[in-house]
């Protein structure tokens, strides 16, 4: 894998900072609007949003058969403090087997922020998720989650290059 664990942590820190203080656009800093640049940026943002949404929707449907097309072959996946490898490895050894024991997966309060710089998109997501198991004896899980990802545009196509997610139990008001 071409990314070290340190690089993943550094990326998460950078993306967390970006989500808190978004950089002004070129038009905002120069006081000029560039029609073609804005149109391309809006198109790229829509394409990035479509990729991120397609992945989330596949998780909700619990049908990840089409998700490999959303990730570059040399992608890097990080989850809850672990290095999962490429998406293909993650799908075969982690995500796919998890769906065998679940009966539903639901996202709630999903928020997404996208920042594009050339052929690189930085994405941050916040959400809660609710999982129920096929075994009714198992208690459902509800957690607060975040995801940070980098998507790269290659040959005109946006796909995930790095994906990191983590979660924690919800803190209930007493």
N, C-alpha and C. Protein backbone atom coordinates (compact mmCIF):
# COMPACT_ATOMS: atom_id res chain seq x y z
N UNK A 1 0.86 -1.17 0.00
CA UNK A 1 0.00 0.00 0.00
C UNK A 1 0.90 1.22 0.00
N UNK A 2 0.48 2.24 -0.72
CA UNK A 2 1.35 3.39 -0.88
C UNK A 2 1.19 4.43 0.22
N UNK A 3 0.26 4.25 1.15
CA UNK A 3 0.04 5.21 2.22
C UNK A 3 0.40 4.58 3.55
N UNK A 4 1.10 5.31 4.37
CA UNK A 4 1.42 4.81 5.70
C UNK A 4 0.30 5.18 6.66
N UNK A 5 0.29 4.54 7.80
CA UNK A 5 -0.71 4.88 8.82
C UNK A 5 -0.57 6.34 9.21
N UNK A 6 0.66 6.82 9.33
CA UNK A 6 0.89 8.22 9.69
C UNK A 6 0.25 9.15 8.67
N UNK A 7 0.39 8.80 7.39
CA UNK A 7 -0.21 9.65 6.35
C UNK A 7 -1.72 9.70 6.51
N UNK A 8 -2.33 8.58 6.87
CA UNK A 8 -3.78 8.55 7.09
C UNK A 8 -4.18 9.45 8.24
N UNK A 9 -3.41 9.41 9.35
CA UNK A 9 -3.72 10.27 10.48
C UNK A 9 -3.51 11.74 10.12
N UNK A 10 -2.46 12.02 9.38
CA UNK A 10 -2.19 13.39 8.98
C UNK A 10 -3.30 13.91 8.07
N UNK A 11 -3.76 13.06 7.15
CA UNK A 11 -4.84 13.45 6.27
C UNK A 11 -6.11 13.75 7.07
N UNK A 12 -6.43 12.90 8.03
CA UNK A 12 -7.62 13.12 8.85
C UNK A 12 -7.53 14.45 9.59
N UNK A 13 -6.35 14.78 10.10
CA UNK A 13 -6.17 16.05 10.81
C UNK A 13 -6.35 17.24 9.87
N UNK A 14 -5.79 17.13 8.67
CA UNK A 14 -5.93 18.21 7.69
C UNK A 14 -7.39 18.38 7.30
N UNK A 15 -8.07 17.26 7.02
CA UNK A 15 -9.47 17.35 6.62
C UNK A 15 -10.34 17.88 7.74
N UNK A 16 -10.04 17.53 8.98
CA UNK A 16 -10.81 18.05 10.10
C UNK A 16 -10.66 19.57 10.16
N UNK A 17 -9.46 20.07 9.93
CA UNK A 17 -9.24 21.52 9.92
C UNK A 17 -9.95 22.18 8.76
N UNK A 18 -9.97 21.52 7.61
CA UNK A 18 -10.67 22.07 6.44
C UNK A 18 -12.16 22.16 6.69
N UNK A 19 -12.71 21.18 7.37
CA UNK A 19 -14.16 21.18 7.62
C UNK A 19 -14.55 22.31 8.56
N UNK A 20 -13.62 22.72 9.45
CA UNK A 20 -13.93 23.77 10.40
C UNK A 20 -13.79 25.15 9.79
N UNK A 21 -12.80 25.33 8.93
CA UNK A 21 -12.58 26.64 8.32
C UNK A 21 -12.36 26.46 6.83
N UNK A 22 -13.46 26.40 6.07
CA UNK A 22 -13.31 26.19 4.64
C UNK A 22 -12.53 27.32 3.99
N UNK A 23 -11.67 26.93 3.06
CA UNK A 23 -10.88 27.92 2.34
C UNK A 23 -11.77 28.72 1.40
N UNK A 24 -11.51 30.01 1.26
CA UNK A 24 -12.32 30.80 0.32
C UNK A 24 -12.03 30.35 -1.10
N UNK A 25 -13.02 30.48 -1.96
CA UNK A 25 -12.82 30.11 -3.35
C UNK A 25 -11.92 31.14 -4.02
N UNK A 26 -11.40 30.78 -5.18
CA UNK A 26 -10.55 31.69 -5.94
C UNK A 26 -11.33 32.97 -6.26
N UNK A 27 -12.59 32.81 -6.63
CA UNK A 27 -13.42 33.98 -6.96
C UNK A 27 -13.57 34.89 -5.75
N UNK A 28 -13.70 34.30 -4.57
CA UNK A 28 -13.86 35.11 -3.36
C UNK A 28 -12.58 35.86 -3.02
N UNK A 29 -11.42 35.25 -3.28
CA UNK A 29 -10.16 35.91 -2.94
C UNK A 29 -9.77 36.95 -3.96
N UNK A 30 -10.18 36.77 -5.22
CA UNK A 30 -9.79 37.73 -6.25
C UNK A 30 -10.88 38.75 -6.52
N UNK A 31 -12.09 38.46 -6.05
CA UNK A 31 -13.21 39.35 -6.33
C UNK A 31 -13.75 39.18 -7.73
N UNK A 32 -13.27 38.16 -8.46
CA UNK A 32 -13.73 37.93 -9.82
C UNK A 32 -14.39 36.56 -9.90
N UNK A 33 -15.43 36.49 -10.68
CA UNK A 33 -16.06 35.20 -10.94
C UNK A 33 -15.57 34.71 -12.29
N UNK A 34 -15.19 33.47 -12.35
CA UNK A 34 -14.74 32.86 -13.59
C UNK A 34 -15.78 31.85 -14.00
N UNK A 35 -16.61 32.20 -14.99
CA UNK A 35 -17.73 31.38 -15.41
C UNK A 35 -17.37 29.95 -15.72
N UNK A 36 -16.37 29.74 -16.58
CA UNK A 36 -15.99 28.38 -16.96
C UNK A 36 -15.44 27.62 -15.76
N UNK A 37 -14.60 28.28 -14.95
CA UNK A 37 -14.06 27.62 -13.76
C UNK A 37 -15.18 27.25 -12.80
N UNK A 38 -16.14 28.16 -12.61
CA UNK A 38 -17.25 27.90 -11.70
C UNK A 38 -18.11 26.74 -12.21
N UNK A 39 -18.38 26.73 -13.51
CA UNK A 39 -19.19 25.66 -14.09
C UNK A 39 -18.49 24.32 -13.95
N UNK A 40 -17.18 24.29 -14.21
CA UNK A 40 -16.43 23.04 -14.06
C UNK A 40 -16.41 22.61 -12.61
N UNK A 41 -16.22 23.56 -11.70
CA UNK A 41 -16.20 23.25 -10.28
C UNK A 41 -17.55 22.69 -9.83
N UNK A 42 -18.65 23.30 -10.28
CA UNK A 42 -19.98 22.81 -9.92
C UNK A 42 -20.20 21.41 -10.49
N UNK A 43 -19.75 21.17 -11.70
CA UNK A 43 -19.88 19.85 -12.32
C UNK A 43 -19.06 18.81 -11.55
N UNK A 44 -17.83 19.17 -11.21
CA UNK A 44 -16.99 18.25 -10.43
C UNK A 44 -17.61 17.97 -9.07
N UNK A 45 -18.11 19.01 -8.41
CA UNK A 45 -18.73 18.80 -7.11
C UNK A 45 -19.93 17.87 -7.22
N UNK A 46 -20.74 18.04 -8.24
CA UNK A 46 -21.90 17.17 -8.44
C UNK A 46 -21.46 15.72 -8.66
N UNK A 47 -20.38 15.53 -9.43
CA UNK A 47 -19.88 14.19 -9.68
C UNK A 47 -19.32 13.55 -8.41
N UNK A 48 -18.59 14.32 -7.62
CA UNK A 48 -18.04 13.82 -6.35
C UNK A 48 -19.19 13.46 -5.42
N UNK A 49 -20.17 14.34 -5.30
CA UNK A 49 -21.33 14.08 -4.44
C UNK A 49 -22.04 12.80 -4.88
N UNK A 50 -22.15 12.58 -6.18
CA UNK A 50 -22.81 11.38 -6.70
C UNK A 50 -22.05 10.11 -6.29
N UNK A 51 -20.73 10.15 -6.32
CA UNK A 51 -19.93 8.99 -5.92
C UNK A 51 -20.11 8.71 -4.43
N UNK A 52 -20.01 9.75 -3.61
CA UNK A 52 -20.16 9.59 -2.16
C UNK A 52 -21.56 9.08 -1.82
N UNK A 53 -22.57 9.64 -2.46
CA UNK A 53 -23.96 9.24 -2.22
C UNK A 53 -24.21 7.81 -2.68
N UNK A 54 -23.63 7.41 -3.81
CA UNK A 54 -23.79 6.04 -4.30
C UNK A 54 -23.23 5.04 -3.30
N UNK A 55 -22.10 5.38 -2.67
CA UNK A 55 -21.52 4.48 -1.68
C UNK A 55 -22.43 4.37 -0.45
N UNK A 56 -22.88 5.51 0.05
CA UNK A 56 -23.77 5.51 1.22
C UNK A 56 -25.05 4.74 0.90
N UNK A 57 -25.63 4.97 -0.26
CA UNK A 57 -26.87 4.29 -0.64
C UNK A 57 -26.67 2.77 -0.76
N UNK A 58 -25.52 2.35 -1.25
CA UNK A 58 -25.23 0.91 -1.34
C UNK A 58 -25.16 0.28 0.05
N UNK A 59 -24.59 1.01 1.00
CA UNK A 59 -24.53 0.51 2.37
C UNK A 59 -25.95 0.35 2.93
N UNK A 60 -26.79 1.34 2.71
CA UNK A 60 -28.17 1.29 3.19
C UNK A 60 -28.92 0.11 2.56
N UNK A 61 -28.73 -0.10 1.26
CA UNK A 61 -29.38 -1.23 0.56
C UNK A 61 -28.75 -2.56 0.95
N UNK A 62 -27.57 -2.48 1.55
CA UNK A 62 -26.78 -3.67 1.89
C UNK A 62 -26.49 -4.50 0.63
N UNK A 63 -26.22 -3.79 -0.44
CA UNK A 63 -25.85 -4.39 -1.71
C UNK A 63 -24.63 -3.63 -2.21
N UNK A 64 -23.47 -4.17 -1.94
CA UNK A 64 -22.23 -3.49 -2.30
C UNK A 64 -21.61 -4.08 -3.57
N UNK A 65 -22.40 -4.78 -4.35
CA UNK A 65 -21.88 -5.44 -5.55
C UNK A 65 -21.31 -4.45 -6.57
N UNK A 66 -21.84 -3.23 -6.61
CA UNK A 66 -21.37 -2.24 -7.59
C UNK A 66 -20.35 -1.26 -7.01
N UNK A 67 -20.07 -1.36 -5.71
CA UNK A 67 -19.19 -0.36 -5.08
C UNK A 67 -17.73 -0.41 -5.51
N UNK A 68 -17.18 -1.54 -5.96
CA UNK A 68 -15.77 -1.48 -6.41
C UNK A 68 -15.53 -0.43 -7.49
N UNK A 69 -16.52 -0.14 -8.30
CA UNK A 69 -16.37 0.87 -9.36
C UNK A 69 -16.27 2.29 -8.79
N UNK A 70 -16.53 2.46 -7.50
CA UNK A 70 -16.44 3.78 -6.87
C UNK A 70 -15.05 4.06 -6.29
N UNK A 71 -14.18 3.05 -6.26
CA UNK A 71 -12.86 3.15 -5.64
C UNK A 71 -11.78 2.80 -6.66
N UNK A 72 -10.67 3.53 -6.62
CA UNK A 72 -9.52 3.18 -7.45
C UNK A 72 -8.92 1.89 -6.92
N UNK A 73 -8.33 1.10 -7.80
CA UNK A 73 -7.74 -0.19 -7.39
C UNK A 73 -6.71 -0.04 -6.29
N UNK A 74 -5.98 1.07 -6.29
CA UNK A 74 -4.93 1.28 -5.29
C UNK A 74 -5.42 2.13 -4.12
N UNK A 75 -6.72 2.10 -3.87
CA UNK A 75 -7.31 2.87 -2.77
C UNK A 75 -6.76 2.42 -1.42
N UNK A 76 -6.97 3.25 -0.42
CA UNK A 76 -6.56 2.93 0.95
C UNK A 76 -7.76 3.18 1.86
N UNK A 77 -8.11 2.18 2.66
CA UNK A 77 -9.25 2.28 3.56
C UNK A 77 -8.76 2.22 5.00
N UNK A 78 -9.27 3.15 5.81
CA UNK A 78 -8.95 3.20 7.24
C UNK A 78 -10.27 3.23 8.00
N UNK A 79 -10.38 2.41 9.05
CA UNK A 79 -11.63 2.38 9.81
C UNK A 79 -11.33 2.17 11.29
N UNK A 80 -11.89 3.06 12.11
CA UNK A 80 -11.80 2.93 13.58
C UNK A 80 -10.40 2.55 14.07
N UNK A 81 -9.42 3.26 13.59
CA UNK A 81 -8.05 3.04 14.06
C UNK A 81 -7.33 1.90 13.37
N UNK A 82 -7.93 1.31 12.36
CA UNK A 82 -7.29 0.20 11.66
C UNK A 82 -7.03 0.50 10.21
N UNK A 83 -5.98 -0.10 9.68
CA UNK A 83 -5.65 0.00 8.27
C UNK A 83 -6.28 -1.21 7.60
N UNK A 84 -7.25 -0.98 6.73
CA UNK A 84 -8.02 -2.07 6.12
C UNK A 84 -7.46 -2.51 4.77
N UNK A 85 -6.53 -1.75 4.20
CA UNK A 85 -5.97 -2.10 2.89
C UNK A 85 -6.74 -1.44 1.77
N UNK A 86 -6.73 -2.05 0.60
CA UNK A 86 -7.48 -1.52 -0.54
C UNK A 86 -8.97 -1.77 -0.34
N UNK A 87 -9.79 -1.13 -1.15
CA UNK A 87 -11.23 -1.36 -1.04
C UNK A 87 -11.56 -2.81 -1.36
N UNK A 88 -10.89 -3.39 -2.35
CA UNK A 88 -11.17 -4.79 -2.71
C UNK A 88 -10.93 -5.70 -1.50
N UNK A 89 -9.84 -5.49 -0.78
CA UNK A 89 -9.55 -6.29 0.42
C UNK A 89 -10.59 -6.02 1.50
N UNK A 90 -10.92 -4.76 1.73
CA UNK A 90 -11.90 -4.36 2.73
C UNK A 90 -13.26 -4.99 2.43
N UNK A 91 -13.66 -4.98 1.18
CA UNK A 91 -14.94 -5.54 0.78
C UNK A 91 -14.98 -7.05 1.04
N UNK A 92 -13.92 -7.73 0.67
CA UNK A 92 -13.88 -9.19 0.81
C UNK A 92 -13.75 -9.65 2.27
N UNK A 93 -12.95 -8.93 3.06
CA UNK A 93 -12.64 -9.40 4.41
C UNK A 93 -13.37 -8.69 5.54
N UNK A 94 -14.04 -7.60 5.24
CA UNK A 94 -14.66 -6.84 6.32
C UNK A 94 -16.11 -6.48 5.98
N UNK A 95 -16.29 -5.59 5.03
CA UNK A 95 -17.62 -5.07 4.73
C UNK A 95 -18.58 -6.16 4.25
N UNK A 96 -18.18 -6.94 3.28
CA UNK A 96 -19.04 -8.00 2.75
C UNK A 96 -19.51 -8.97 3.82
N UNK A 97 -18.61 -9.55 4.61
CA UNK A 97 -19.03 -10.47 5.67
C UNK A 97 -19.94 -9.83 6.72
N UNK A 98 -19.76 -8.54 6.99
CA UNK A 98 -20.64 -7.87 7.97
C UNK A 98 -22.09 -7.91 7.51
N UNK A 99 -22.33 -7.73 6.24
CA UNK A 99 -23.71 -7.70 5.76
C UNK A 99 -24.41 -9.05 5.90
N UNK A 100 -23.63 -10.12 6.02
CA UNK A 100 -24.23 -11.44 6.21
C UNK A 100 -24.96 -11.56 7.54
N UNK A 101 -24.59 -10.75 8.52
CA UNK A 101 -25.20 -10.86 9.85
C UNK A 101 -26.17 -9.72 10.17
N UNK A 102 -26.32 -8.77 9.25
CA UNK A 102 -27.20 -7.62 9.48
C UNK A 102 -28.55 -7.79 8.80
N UNK A 103 -29.57 -7.14 9.37
CA UNK A 103 -30.86 -7.10 8.68
C UNK A 103 -31.15 -5.70 8.15
N UNK A 104 -30.53 -4.64 8.74
CA UNK A 104 -30.71 -3.30 8.19
C UNK A 104 -29.58 -2.38 8.63
N UNK A 105 -29.37 -1.35 7.81
CA UNK A 105 -28.36 -0.33 8.08
C UNK A 105 -28.98 0.99 7.63
N UNK A 106 -29.11 1.93 8.55
CA UNK A 106 -29.76 3.20 8.24
C UNK A 106 -28.88 4.37 8.67
N UNK A 107 -28.70 5.34 7.77
CA UNK A 107 -28.02 6.59 8.11
C UNK A 107 -29.06 7.63 8.49
N UNK A 108 -28.71 8.46 9.46
CA UNK A 108 -29.57 9.58 9.86
C UNK A 108 -28.70 10.83 9.98
N UNK A 109 -29.32 11.99 9.79
CA UNK A 109 -28.64 13.28 9.97
C UNK A 109 -27.33 13.35 9.18
N UNK A 110 -27.34 12.86 7.96
CA UNK A 110 -26.14 12.84 7.13
C UNK A 110 -25.83 14.24 6.60
N UNK A 111 -24.63 14.72 6.89
CA UNK A 111 -24.15 16.01 6.39
C UNK A 111 -22.86 15.76 5.62
N UNK A 112 -22.69 16.46 4.52
CA UNK A 112 -21.50 16.28 3.69
C UNK A 112 -20.93 17.64 3.30
N UNK A 113 -19.60 17.73 3.34
CA UNK A 113 -18.88 18.92 2.91
C UNK A 113 -17.86 18.48 1.86
N UNK A 114 -17.81 19.21 0.75
CA UNK A 114 -16.90 18.88 -0.35
C UNK A 114 -16.07 20.11 -0.68
N UNK A 115 -14.77 19.91 -0.81
CA UNK A 115 -13.87 20.95 -1.29
C UNK A 115 -13.03 20.35 -2.41
N UNK A 116 -13.00 21.02 -3.54
CA UNK A 116 -12.26 20.51 -4.70
C UNK A 116 -11.08 21.41 -5.00
N UNK A 117 -9.94 20.77 -5.24
CA UNK A 117 -8.73 21.47 -5.63
C UNK A 117 -8.15 20.72 -6.83
N UNK A 118 -8.45 21.21 -8.01
CA UNK A 118 -7.98 20.55 -9.23
C UNK A 118 -8.63 19.19 -9.40
N UNK A 119 -7.80 18.15 -9.46
CA UNK A 119 -8.29 16.78 -9.63
C UNK A 119 -8.37 16.03 -8.31
N UNK A 120 -8.43 16.77 -7.21
CA UNK A 120 -8.53 16.17 -5.87
C UNK A 120 -9.72 16.77 -5.15
N UNK A 121 -10.52 15.91 -4.55
CA UNK A 121 -11.67 16.37 -3.76
C UNK A 121 -11.49 15.88 -2.32
N UNK A 122 -11.71 16.78 -1.38
CA UNK A 122 -11.65 16.48 0.04
C UNK A 122 -13.08 16.47 0.56
N UNK A 123 -13.49 15.39 1.17
CA UNK A 123 -14.87 15.22 1.60
C UNK A 123 -14.90 14.88 3.09
N UNK A 124 -15.79 15.53 3.81
CA UNK A 124 -16.04 15.15 5.20
C UNK A 124 -17.53 14.91 5.38
N UNK A 125 -17.86 13.90 6.17
CA UNK A 125 -19.24 13.54 6.42
C UNK A 125 -19.45 13.34 7.92
N UNK A 126 -20.62 13.71 8.39
CA UNK A 126 -21.05 13.38 9.74
C UNK A 126 -22.43 12.75 9.64
N UNK A 127 -22.72 11.85 10.55
CA UNK A 127 -23.99 11.13 10.51
C UNK A 127 -24.16 10.32 11.79
N UNK A 128 -25.35 9.80 11.97
CA UNK A 128 -25.56 8.72 12.93
C UNK A 128 -26.00 7.52 12.09
N UNK A 129 -25.76 6.35 12.62
CA UNK A 129 -26.26 5.17 11.92
C UNK A 129 -26.89 4.22 12.91
N UNK A 130 -27.84 3.46 12.39
CA UNK A 130 -28.60 2.50 13.18
C UNK A 130 -28.52 1.16 12.47
N UNK A 131 -28.06 0.14 13.19
CA UNK A 131 -27.89 -1.19 12.62
C UNK A 131 -28.76 -2.17 13.39
N UNK A 132 -29.47 -3.02 12.67
CA UNK A 132 -30.16 -4.14 13.31
C UNK A 132 -29.57 -5.43 12.73
N UNK A 133 -29.59 -6.45 13.57
CA UNK A 133 -28.98 -7.73 13.21
C UNK A 133 -30.02 -8.75 12.77
N UNK A 134 -29.60 -9.70 11.97
CA UNK A 134 -30.47 -10.79 11.54
C UNK A 134 -30.88 -11.63 12.75
N UNK A 135 -29.99 -11.76 13.71
CA UNK A 135 -30.28 -12.48 14.96
C UNK A 135 -31.04 -11.53 15.88
N UNK A 136 -32.34 -11.77 16.10
CA UNK A 136 -33.13 -10.84 16.91
C UNK A 136 -32.67 -10.77 18.37
N UNK A 137 -31.86 -11.70 18.79
CA UNK A 137 -31.35 -11.66 20.17
C UNK A 137 -30.27 -10.59 20.34
N UNK A 138 -29.69 -10.16 19.24
CA UNK A 138 -28.66 -9.11 19.32
C UNK A 138 -29.30 -7.74 19.35
N UNK A 139 -28.83 -6.92 20.26
CA UNK A 139 -29.33 -5.55 20.39
C UNK A 139 -28.90 -4.71 19.18
N UNK A 140 -29.78 -3.84 18.72
CA UNK A 140 -29.38 -2.91 17.64
C UNK A 140 -28.25 -2.00 18.12
N UNK A 141 -27.54 -1.46 17.17
CA UNK A 141 -26.44 -0.53 17.45
C UNK A 141 -26.79 0.82 16.85
N UNK A 142 -26.58 1.87 17.62
CA UNK A 142 -26.73 3.23 17.10
C UNK A 142 -25.49 4.00 17.51
N UNK A 143 -24.83 4.60 16.53
CA UNK A 143 -23.57 5.28 16.79
C UNK A 143 -23.51 6.59 16.01
N UNK A 144 -22.63 7.46 16.46
CA UNK A 144 -22.30 8.71 15.77
C UNK A 144 -21.07 8.42 14.94
N UNK A 145 -21.09 8.78 13.66
CA UNK A 145 -19.97 8.47 12.80
C UNK A 145 -19.48 9.68 12.03
N UNK A 146 -18.24 9.59 11.60
CA UNK A 146 -17.63 10.58 10.72
C UNK A 146 -16.86 9.83 9.64
N UNK A 147 -16.74 10.47 8.50
CA UNK A 147 -15.91 9.92 7.43
C UNK A 147 -15.18 11.07 6.77
N UNK A 148 -13.94 10.83 6.44
CA UNK A 148 -13.15 11.77 5.65
C UNK A 148 -12.60 10.98 4.47
N UNK A 149 -12.62 11.60 3.31
CA UNK A 149 -12.13 10.89 2.14
C UNK A 149 -11.49 11.85 1.15
N UNK A 150 -10.67 11.26 0.33
CA UNK A 150 -10.05 11.97 -0.79
C UNK A 150 -10.47 11.23 -2.04
N UNK A 151 -11.05 11.96 -2.96
CA UNK A 151 -11.38 11.39 -4.25
C UNK A 151 -10.45 12.00 -5.28
N UNK A 152 -10.03 11.22 -6.25
CA UNK A 152 -9.15 11.70 -7.32
C UNK A 152 -9.88 11.56 -8.66
N UNK A 153 -9.63 12.52 -9.50
CA UNK A 153 -10.18 12.49 -10.86
C UNK A 153 -9.07 11.99 -11.78
N UNK A 154 -9.31 10.86 -12.42
CA UNK A 154 -8.38 10.29 -13.38
C UNK A 154 -9.15 10.03 -14.67
N UNK A 155 -8.60 10.46 -15.78
CA UNK A 155 -9.26 10.26 -17.08
C UNK A 155 -10.72 10.72 -17.04
N UNK A 156 -10.96 11.84 -16.35
CA UNK A 156 -12.29 12.42 -16.30
C UNK A 156 -13.26 11.76 -15.34
N UNK A 157 -12.80 10.79 -14.54
CA UNK A 157 -13.69 10.06 -13.64
C UNK A 157 -13.25 10.22 -12.18
N UNK A 158 -14.20 10.53 -11.31
CA UNK A 158 -13.95 10.67 -9.88
C UNK A 158 -14.19 9.34 -9.18
N UNK A 159 -13.23 8.95 -8.32
CA UNK A 159 -13.38 7.76 -7.47
C UNK A 159 -12.67 8.01 -6.15
N UNK A 160 -13.05 7.22 -5.15
CA UNK A 160 -12.37 7.28 -3.86
C UNK A 160 -10.93 6.82 -4.00
N UNK A 161 -10.02 7.58 -3.41
CA UNK A 161 -8.61 7.21 -3.34
C UNK A 161 -8.28 6.80 -1.90
N UNK A 162 -8.76 7.59 -0.94
CA UNK A 162 -8.59 7.30 0.49
C UNK A 162 -9.94 7.46 1.16
N UNK A 163 -10.28 6.51 2.02
CA UNK A 163 -11.54 6.60 2.76
C UNK A 163 -11.26 6.24 4.22
N UNK A 164 -11.67 7.10 5.11
CA UNK A 164 -11.48 6.87 6.55
C UNK A 164 -12.81 7.09 7.26
N UNK A 165 -13.20 6.15 8.10
CA UNK A 165 -14.41 6.35 8.89
C UNK A 165 -14.16 5.88 10.32
N UNK A 166 -14.88 6.49 11.22
CA UNK A 166 -14.81 6.08 12.62
C UNK A 166 -16.14 6.42 13.27
N UNK A 167 -16.38 5.81 14.42
CA UNK A 167 -17.64 6.04 15.11
C UNK A 167 -17.45 5.88 16.61
N UNK A 168 -18.48 6.33 17.33
CA UNK A 168 -18.49 6.19 18.78
C UNK A 168 -19.95 6.08 19.21
N UNK A 169 -20.17 5.55 20.41
CA UNK A 169 -21.55 5.47 20.89
C UNK A 169 -22.17 6.86 21.00
N UNK A 170 -23.47 6.92 20.78
CA UNK A 170 -24.19 8.18 20.95
C UNK A 170 -24.18 8.56 22.42
N UNK A 171 -24.07 9.83 22.66
CA UNK A 171 -24.17 10.33 24.04
C UNK A 171 -25.59 10.83 24.23
N UNK A 172 -26.32 10.14 25.04
CA UNK A 172 -27.72 10.48 25.29
C UNK A 172 -27.82 11.51 26.41
N UNK A 173 -28.74 12.46 26.24
CA UNK A 173 -29.00 13.44 27.30
C UNK A 173 -29.68 12.74 28.46
N UNK A 174 -29.29 13.09 29.66
CA UNK A 174 -29.89 12.44 30.84
C UNK A 174 -30.97 13.27 31.46
